[in-house]
């Protein structure tokens, strides 16, 4: 599997994990029958995430080290768009460190 395809799978996995979490969060405040639908949808998306995050044939530590970057970015974007939660300054600074660490893991050779 090419490096680009591996990165694509990690991006998709991060989108699915953050999205599945958002669906579960929506379900927590829904009525009873809607709650079940939100939970089911969230569970299915999170199952897909589990496949996508483990698909790239990288070493597990490197894989998840880089995955954390994608997850952080997708979680912040979805939090902002879906829940109108703008990242605070500490989150932005910490996020910068997360991204820097991911770049080191991905490109140090």
C-alpha atoms as a PDB file:
ATOM      1  CA  UNK A   1       0.000   0.000   0.000  1.00  0.00           C
ATOM      2  CA  UNK A   2       1.416   3.399  -0.942  1.00  0.00           C
ATOM      3  CA  UNK A   3       2.124   6.047   1.675  1.00  0.00           C
ATOM      4  CA  UNK A   4      -0.512   8.324   0.103  1.00  0.00           C
ATOM      5  CA  UNK A   5      -3.163   5.602   0.319  1.00  0.00           C
ATOM      6  CA  UNK A   6      -2.196   4.893   3.934  1.00  0.00           C
ATOM      7  CA  UNK A   7      -2.593   8.591   4.787  1.00  0.00           C
ATOM      8  CA  UNK A   8      -5.941   8.601   3.011  1.00  0.00           C
ATOM      9  CA  UNK A   9      -7.116   5.661   5.152  1.00  0.00           C
ATOM     10  CA  UNK A  10      -5.988   7.487   8.307  1.00  0.00           C
ATOM     11  CA  UNK A  11      -7.864  10.624   7.231  1.00  0.00           C
ATOM     12  CA  UNK A  12     -11.019   8.606   6.564  1.00  0.00           C
ATOM     13  CA  UNK A  13     -10.631   6.809   9.913  1.00  0.00           C
ATOM     14  CA  UNK A  14     -10.282  10.092  11.791  1.00  0.00           C
ATOM     15  CA  UNK A  15     -13.348  11.496  10.043  1.00  0.00           C
ATOM     16  CA  UNK A  16     -15.301   8.373  10.929  1.00  0.00           C
ATOM     17  CA  UNK A  17     -14.231   8.308  14.573  1.00  0.00           C
ATOM     18  CA  UNK A  18     -15.032  11.972  15.164  1.00  0.00           C
ATOM     19  CA  UNK A  19     -18.258  11.608  13.160  1.00  0.00           C
ATOM     20  CA  UNK A  20     -19.321   8.462  15.015  1.00  0.00           C
ATOM     21  CA  UNK A  21     -18.670  10.207  18.321  1.00  0.00           C
ATOM     22  CA  UNK A  22     -20.767  13.164  17.127  1.00  0.00           C
ATOM     23  CA  UNK A  23     -23.647  10.819  16.201  1.00  0.00           C
ATOM     24  CA  UNK A  24     -23.521   9.229  19.662  1.00  0.00           C
ATOM     25  CA  UNK A  25     -23.499  12.695  21.227  1.00  0.00           C
ATOM     26  CA  UNK A  26     -26.597  13.642  19.203  1.00  0.00           C
ATOM     27  CA  UNK A  27     -28.268  10.445  20.407  1.00  0.00           C
ATOM     28  CA  UNK A  28     -27.713  11.339  24.035  1.00  0.00           C
ATOM     29  CA  UNK A  29     -30.137  14.253  23.750  1.00  0.00           C
ATOM     30  CA  UNK A  30     -32.676  12.666  21.354  1.00  0.00           C
ATOM     31  CA  UNK A  31     -36.059  11.114  22.116  1.00  0.00           C
ATOM     32  CA  UNK A  32     -36.215   7.360  22.742  1.00  0.00           C
ATOM     33  CA  UNK A  33     -36.742   6.003  19.206  1.00  0.00           C
ATOM     34  CA  UNK A  34     -34.473   8.640  17.656  1.00  0.00           C
ATOM     35  CA  UNK A  35     -31.859   7.883  20.296  1.00  0.00           C
ATOM     36  CA  UNK A  36     -31.695   4.259  19.123  1.00  0.00           C
ATOM     37  CA  UNK A  37     -31.255   5.387  15.504  1.00  0.00           C
ATOM     38  CA  UNK A  38     -28.451   7.835  16.411  1.00  0.00           C
ATOM     39  CA  UNK A  39     -26.717   5.171  18.504  1.00  0.00           C
ATOM     40  CA  UNK A  40     -27.011   2.571  15.748  1.00  0.00           C
ATOM     41  CA  UNK A  41     -25.652   4.991  13.137  1.00  0.00           C
ATOM     42  CA  UNK A  42     -22.817   6.014  15.473  1.00  0.00           C
ATOM     43  CA  UNK A  43     -21.961   2.381  16.198  1.00  0.00           C
ATOM     44  CA  UNK A  44     -21.822   1.507  12.500  1.00  0.00           C
ATOM     45  CA  UNK A  45     -19.599   4.483  11.720  1.00  0.00           C
ATOM     46  CA  UNK A  46     -17.295   3.619  14.627  1.00  0.00           C
ATOM     47  CA  UNK A  47     -17.057   0.034  13.386  1.00  0.00           C
ATOM     48  CA  UNK A  48     -15.958   1.384   9.998  1.00  0.00           C
ATOM     49  CA  UNK A  49     -13.410   3.554  11.765  1.00  0.00           C
ATOM     50  CA  UNK A  50     -11.926   0.473  13.437  1.00  0.00           C
ATOM     51  CA  UNK A  51     -11.365  -1.132  10.054  1.00  0.00           C
ATOM     52  CA  UNK A  52     -10.008   2.008   8.386  1.00  0.00           C
ATOM     53  CA  UNK A  53      -7.526   2.868  11.159  1.00  0.00           C
ATOM     54  CA  UNK A  54      -6.052  -0.621  11.113  1.00  0.00           C
ATOM     55  CA  UNK A  55      -5.944  -1.034   7.327  1.00  0.00           C
ATOM     56  CA  UNK A  56      -2.591   0.693   6.613  1.00  0.00           C
ATOM     57  CA  UNK A  57       0.292  -1.794   7.051  1.00  0.00           C
ATOM     58  CA  UNK A  58       2.418   0.473   9.245  1.00  0.00           C
ATOM     59  CA  UNK A  59       3.934  -0.319  12.596  1.00  0.00           C
ATOM     60  CA  UNK A  60       1.204   0.104  15.191  1.00  0.00           C
ATOM     61  CA  UNK A  61       3.001   2.843  17.173  1.00  0.00           C
ATOM     62  CA  UNK A  62       3.780   4.894  14.068  1.00  0.00           C
ATOM     63  CA  UNK A  63       0.294   4.364  12.715  1.00  0.00           C
ATOM     64  CA  UNK A  64      -1.477   5.594  15.823  1.00  0.00           C
ATOM     65  CA  UNK A  65       1.054   8.362  16.400  1.00  0.00           C
ATOM     66  CA  UNK A  66       0.193   9.853  13.036  1.00  0.00           C
ATOM     67  CA  UNK A  67      -3.484   8.983  13.383  1.00  0.00           C
ATOM     68  CA  UNK A  68      -3.718  11.185  16.489  1.00  0.00           C
ATOM     69  CA  UNK A  69      -2.943  14.204  14.283  1.00  0.00           C
ATOM     70  CA  UNK A  70      -5.775  13.422  11.885  1.00  0.00           C
ATOM     71  CA  UNK A  71      -8.176  12.691  14.729  1.00  0.00           C
ATOM     72  CA  UNK A  72      -7.324  15.914  16.541  1.00  0.00           C
ATOM     73  CA  UNK A  73      -7.850  17.994  13.398  1.00  0.00           C
ATOM     74  CA  UNK A  74     -11.124  16.281  12.434  1.00  0.00           C
ATOM     75  CA  UNK A  75     -12.461  16.476  15.992  1.00  0.00           C
ATOM     76  CA  UNK A  76     -11.791  20.217  16.145  1.00  0.00           C
ATOM     77  CA  UNK A  77     -13.360  20.842  12.738  1.00  0.00           C
ATOM     78  CA  UNK A  78     -16.454  18.795  13.555  1.00  0.00           C
ATOM     79  CA  UNK A  79     -16.744  20.346  17.004  1.00  0.00           C
ATOM     80  CA  UNK A  80     -16.687  23.797  15.434  1.00  0.00           C
ATOM     81  CA  UNK A  81     -19.084  22.995  12.571  1.00  0.00           C
ATOM     82  CA  UNK A  82     -21.569  20.697  14.338  1.00  0.00           C
ATOM     83  CA  UNK A  83     -21.585  22.071  17.882  1.00  0.00           C
ATOM     84  CA  UNK A  84     -20.331  25.663  17.395  1.00  0.00           C
ATOM     85  CA  UNK A  85     -17.479  25.025  19.858  1.00  0.00           C
ATOM     86  CA  UNK A  86     -14.544  27.182  18.812  1.00  0.00           C
ATOM     87  CA  UNK A  87     -11.161  25.777  19.933  1.00  0.00           C
ATOM     88  CA  UNK A  88      -9.652  27.729  22.829  1.00  0.00           C
ATOM     89  CA  UNK A  89      -6.093  29.053  22.798  1.00  0.00           C
ATOM     90  CA  UNK A  90      -4.751  26.134  24.904  1.00  0.00           C
ATOM     91  CA  UNK A  91      -6.366  23.694  22.458  1.00  0.00           C
ATOM     92  CA  UNK A  92      -4.802  25.519  19.501  1.00  0.00           C
ATOM     93  CA  UNK A  93      -1.347  25.550  21.101  1.00  0.00           C
ATOM     94  CA  UNK A  94      -1.608  21.906  22.150  1.00  0.00           C
ATOM     95  CA  UNK A  95      -2.873  21.055  18.678  1.00  0.00           C
ATOM     96  CA  UNK A  96       0.164  22.702  17.136  1.00  0.00           C
ATOM     97  CA  UNK A  97       2.361  20.408  19.225  1.00  0.00           C
ATOM     98  CA  UNK A  98       0.297  17.384  18.180  1.00  0.00           C
ATOM     99  CA  UNK A  99       0.664  18.272  14.502  1.00  0.00           C
ATOM    100  CA  UNK A 100       4.405  18.895  14.905  1.00  0.00           C
ATOM    101  CA  UNK A 101       4.814  15.468  16.525  1.00  0.00           C
ATOM    102  CA  UNK A 102       2.844  13.819  13.737  1.00  0.00           C
ATOM    103  CA  UNK A 103       5.020  15.448  11.095  1.00  0.00           C
ATOM    104  CA  UNK A 104       8.127  14.139  12.849  1.00  0.00           C
ATOM    105  CA  UNK A 105       6.668  10.615  12.997  1.00  0.00           C
ATOM    106  CA  UNK A 106       5.581  10.702   9.347  1.00  0.00           C
ATOM    107  CA  UNK A 107       8.589  12.250   7.687  1.00  0.00           C
ATOM    108  CA  UNK A 108      11.669  11.526   9.820  1.00  0.00           C
ATOM    109  CA  UNK A 109      13.829   9.230   7.715  1.00  0.00           C
END
